[in-house]
Structure formats: C-alpha cells, structure tokens
Amino acid sequence: MARRLTSVALAGALLLAGCGGSHKVTAGQQAAKNALQGYLTALAHRDYAGACVRLTHRAKVKVARRSRAPTLNLDRAGCPEQLAALVGRVPGQQRGMVLEVLMSATVQSVRINGRKAIATVRATFRGRAQAQPIELQYLGGAWLVNASPNPANPGA
C-alpha cells in the first residue's frame, strides 16, 4: 500500500531539485529542474494555477480528460479547476498522503536530448523512497512538464 501511494503521488505529480554526485549541471538541466520543482511545489501547495502554467498543452488535455470535465477548457481558468477536480477525486486520506509525498519529492537528475528531457524524481513515504522518470519539453523558451498528474490512476 505504501509503495502504491508513493507511485500514485509521483504519477500524480509527475515531478524535481538536486543533482547528485560530481556531475556538472548545465544551464539547461538547471532550468528543467527549476521548472519541475516549481510544478511540484505548486501542486503540493494546491496552487493549481501555478502548476498549470508549467504544463504542456498535451498535459493539460490529459488533465481535462481525466478530470471528467464536460469540455476541454484549457485556458488559464479551466486548467486549474480541472486539476483541482482531478486531485479531488482522490479519497481524502489518500489525498493527504499524496500531498505528503509531493512535499518530499526531489529531482535527482535531468537528461536532456534536444527539446525533451527526462528528470528522475525521488520521493519518500513512510520511510520508503521511490524514483520515477518525468518527461519535460522545451517550448516557447521554457521547460514544461509533458506529463499530467493522475493521482487516481498512476498507470494512465
């Protein structure tokens, strides 16, 4: 159960900061890490507008569909409402655990390949750590999270 909740939270966030070892971090890697950190922090603090500005269009479409919204309203007002609805579908006690995991999430590494990046995020729940890759995309001069949170179903 603890491992599933950690997976749920990581998938729900899909998500951030601190490269380990002696590996030198490039400016691009740091920018991608900062973008993901901002997304995770916003999501953990229920700042859904702040989280939505860090999502690609593709990720916003997934949020809208998973939130079961009647329309795909992807503008500034629609995405935060749909993200809140999606998080709201997680049962109360599990929602608190998801937020706890999000608060512990840190980006361990970022690999950039052109305009895409894969960040490895590590989070802890009840003393158990788990890592998960998160995809980012470089669009319009900024790194954006190219995966959407789905706390209700981490496999989707």
Protein backbone atom coordinates (compact mmCIF):
# COMPACT_ATOMS: atom_id res chain seq x y z
CA MET A 1 0.00 0.00 0.00
CA ALA A 2 2.77 2.47 0.89
CA ARG A 3 4.56 1.77 -2.39
CA ARG A 4 1.33 2.26 -4.37
CA LEU A 5 0.68 5.57 -2.63
CA THR A 6 4.21 6.69 -3.41
CA SER A 7 3.66 5.71 -7.05
CA VAL A 8 0.31 7.47 -7.05
CA ALA A 9 1.84 10.65 -5.72
CA LEU A 10 4.75 10.57 -8.13
CA ALA A 11 2.48 9.86 -11.05
CA GLY A 12 0.10 12.48 -9.72
CA ALA A 13 2.71 14.99 -9.67
CA LEU A 14 4.91 13.59 -12.24
CA LEU A 15 7.83 15.57 -10.90
CA LEU A 16 12.21 17.63 -9.03
CA ALA A 17 15.63 19.52 -7.50
CA GLY A 18 19.20 18.46 -6.68
CA CYS A 19 21.60 16.59 -8.88
CA GLY A 20 23.84 14.21 -7.00
CA GLY A 21 27.45 13.23 -7.35
CA SER A 22 30.18 15.18 -9.07
CA HIS A 23 28.20 15.52 -12.30
CA LYS A 24 28.29 19.12 -13.51
CA VAL A 25 24.81 20.52 -14.09
CA THR A 26 24.35 22.53 -17.30
CA ALA A 27 22.21 25.66 -17.50
CA GLY A 28 19.60 23.70 -19.45
CA GLN A 29 19.47 20.96 -16.82
CA GLN A 30 19.13 23.53 -14.07
CA ALA A 31 16.32 25.29 -15.94
CA ALA A 32 14.47 21.98 -16.41
CA LYS A 33 14.96 21.11 -12.72
CA ASN A 34 13.68 24.54 -11.67
CA ALA A 35 10.59 24.18 -13.88
CA LEU A 36 9.80 20.78 -12.43
CA GLN A 37 10.48 21.98 -8.88
CA GLY A 38 8.07 24.87 -9.44
CA TYR A 39 5.42 22.50 -10.74
CA LEU A 40 5.78 20.09 -7.81
CA THR A 41 5.83 22.85 -5.24
CA ALA A 42 2.72 24.44 -6.75
CA LEU A 43 0.92 21.09 -6.82
CA ALA A 44 1.93 20.24 -3.24
CA HIS A 45 0.60 23.61 -2.05
CA ARG A 46 -2.60 23.23 -4.08
CA ASP A 47 -1.63 26.19 -6.27
CA TYR A 48 -3.28 24.71 -9.33
CA ALA A 49 -2.87 27.86 -11.43
CA GLY A 50 0.86 27.80 -10.70
CA ALA A 51 1.01 24.11 -11.63
CA CYS A 52 -0.94 24.60 -14.86
CA VAL A 53 1.40 27.27 -16.25
CA ARG A 54 4.15 24.64 -16.07
CA LEU A 55 2.26 22.04 -18.15
CA THR A 56 2.42 21.49 -21.92
CA HIS A 57 -0.78 21.63 -23.95
CA ARG A 58 -0.71 17.82 -24.17
CA ALA A 59 -0.55 17.51 -20.39
CA LYS A 60 -3.43 19.98 -19.97
CA VAL A 61 -5.57 17.93 -22.35
CA LYS A 62 -4.87 14.82 -20.23
CA VAL A 63 -5.78 16.72 -17.05
CA ALA A 64 -9.06 17.86 -18.62
CA ARG A 65 -9.95 14.37 -19.81
CA ARG A 66 -9.04 12.70 -16.52
CA SER A 67 -10.94 15.29 -14.50
CA ARG A 68 -14.06 14.26 -16.41
CA ALA A 69 -14.69 17.88 -17.31
CA PRO A 70 -17.64 18.38 -19.68
CA THR A 71 -15.44 20.46 -22.02
CA LEU A 72 -11.73 20.70 -22.71
CA ASN A 73 -11.34 24.19 -21.26
CA LEU A 74 -7.58 24.65 -21.36
CA ASP A 75 -7.37 28.40 -20.74
CA ARG A 76 -5.99 29.97 -17.57
CA ALA A 77 -9.26 29.47 -15.67
CA GLY A 78 -10.13 25.99 -16.93
CA CYS A 79 -6.92 24.08 -16.23
CA PRO A 80 -6.69 24.94 -12.50
CA GLU A 81 -10.33 23.98 -11.96
CA GLN A 82 -9.84 20.71 -13.81
CA LEU A 83 -6.63 19.93 -11.94
CA ALA A 84 -8.38 20.63 -8.62
CA ALA A 85 -11.22 18.31 -9.70
CA LEU A 86 -8.73 15.60 -10.61
CA VAL A 87 -6.96 15.83 -7.26
CA GLY A 88 -10.35 15.99 -5.57
CA ARG A 89 -11.21 12.54 -6.95
CA VAL A 90 -8.55 11.00 -4.72
CA PRO A 91 -10.14 9.81 -1.45
CA GLY A 92 -9.50 12.17 1.49
CA GLN A 93 -6.93 10.18 3.48
CA GLN A 94 -5.03 9.19 0.34
CA ARG A 95 -5.07 12.81 -0.84
CA GLY A 96 -3.23 13.83 2.31
CA MET A 97 -0.66 11.10 1.73
CA VAL A 98 -0.22 12.18 -1.90
CA LEU A 99 0.47 15.74 -0.77
CA GLU A 100 2.95 14.43 1.83
CA VAL A 101 4.82 12.54 -0.88
CA LEU A 102 4.82 15.60 -3.16
CA MET A 103 6.40 17.65 -0.38
CA SER A 104 9.27 15.15 -0.18
CA ALA A 105 9.86 14.95 -3.95
CA THR A 106 13.28 15.97 -5.26
CA VAL A 107 14.78 15.86 -8.75
CA GLN A 108 17.79 13.57 -8.70
CA SER A 109 18.93 14.06 -12.29
CA VAL A 110 17.95 15.52 -15.66
CA ARG A 111 18.95 14.14 -19.06
CA ILE A 112 18.35 16.45 -21.99
CA ASN A 113 18.03 15.22 -25.56
CA GLY A 114 17.25 18.13 -27.86
CA ARG A 115 13.96 19.73 -26.84
CA LYS A 116 12.97 16.90 -24.49
CA ALA A 117 14.26 15.98 -21.07
CA ILE A 118 13.76 13.14 -18.62
CA ALA A 119 14.03 14.02 -14.96
CA THR A 120 14.31 11.38 -12.26
CA VAL A 121 12.24 12.33 -9.25
CA ARG A 122 12.64 10.70 -5.87
CA ALA A 123 10.07 10.86 -3.08
CA THR A 124 9.67 9.21 0.30
CA PHE A 125 6.59 7.89 2.01
CA ARG A 126 6.76 6.37 5.47
CA GLY A 127 10.50 5.86 5.16
CA ARG A 128 10.38 4.19 1.74
CA ALA A 129 11.95 6.00 -1.19
CA GLN A 130 10.92 5.54 -4.78
CA ALA A 131 12.11 7.15 -8.01
CA GLN A 132 10.16 7.84 -11.18
CA PRO A 133 11.06 9.45 -14.51
CA ILE A 134 9.16 12.56 -15.61
CA GLU A 135 9.22 13.97 -19.13
CA LEU A 136 9.66 17.66 -19.84
CA GLN A 137 9.58 19.52 -23.15
CA TYR A 138 11.25 22.78 -24.14
CA LEU A 139 8.61 25.06 -25.68
CA GLY A 140 8.50 28.81 -26.14
CA GLY A 141 11.78 29.32 -24.34
CA ALA A 142 10.80 27.35 -21.21
CA TRP A 143 10.82 23.79 -19.89
CA LEU A 144 7.31 22.44 -19.28
CA VAL A 145 6.09 19.20 -17.71
CA ASN A 146 4.91 16.99 -20.55
CA ALA A 147 3.05 14.54 -18.38
CA SER A 148 -0.04 15.21 -16.37
CA PRO A 149 -0.81 14.26 -12.81
CA ASN A 150 -3.24 11.42 -12.28
CA PRO A 151 -3.42 10.62 -8.58
CA ALA A 152 -6.45 8.38 -9.15
CA ASN A 153 -4.68 6.02 -11.57
CA PRO A 154 -0.88 6.04 -11.82
CA GLY A 155 -0.86 3.72 -14.81
CA ALA A 156 -2.86 6.03 -17.06
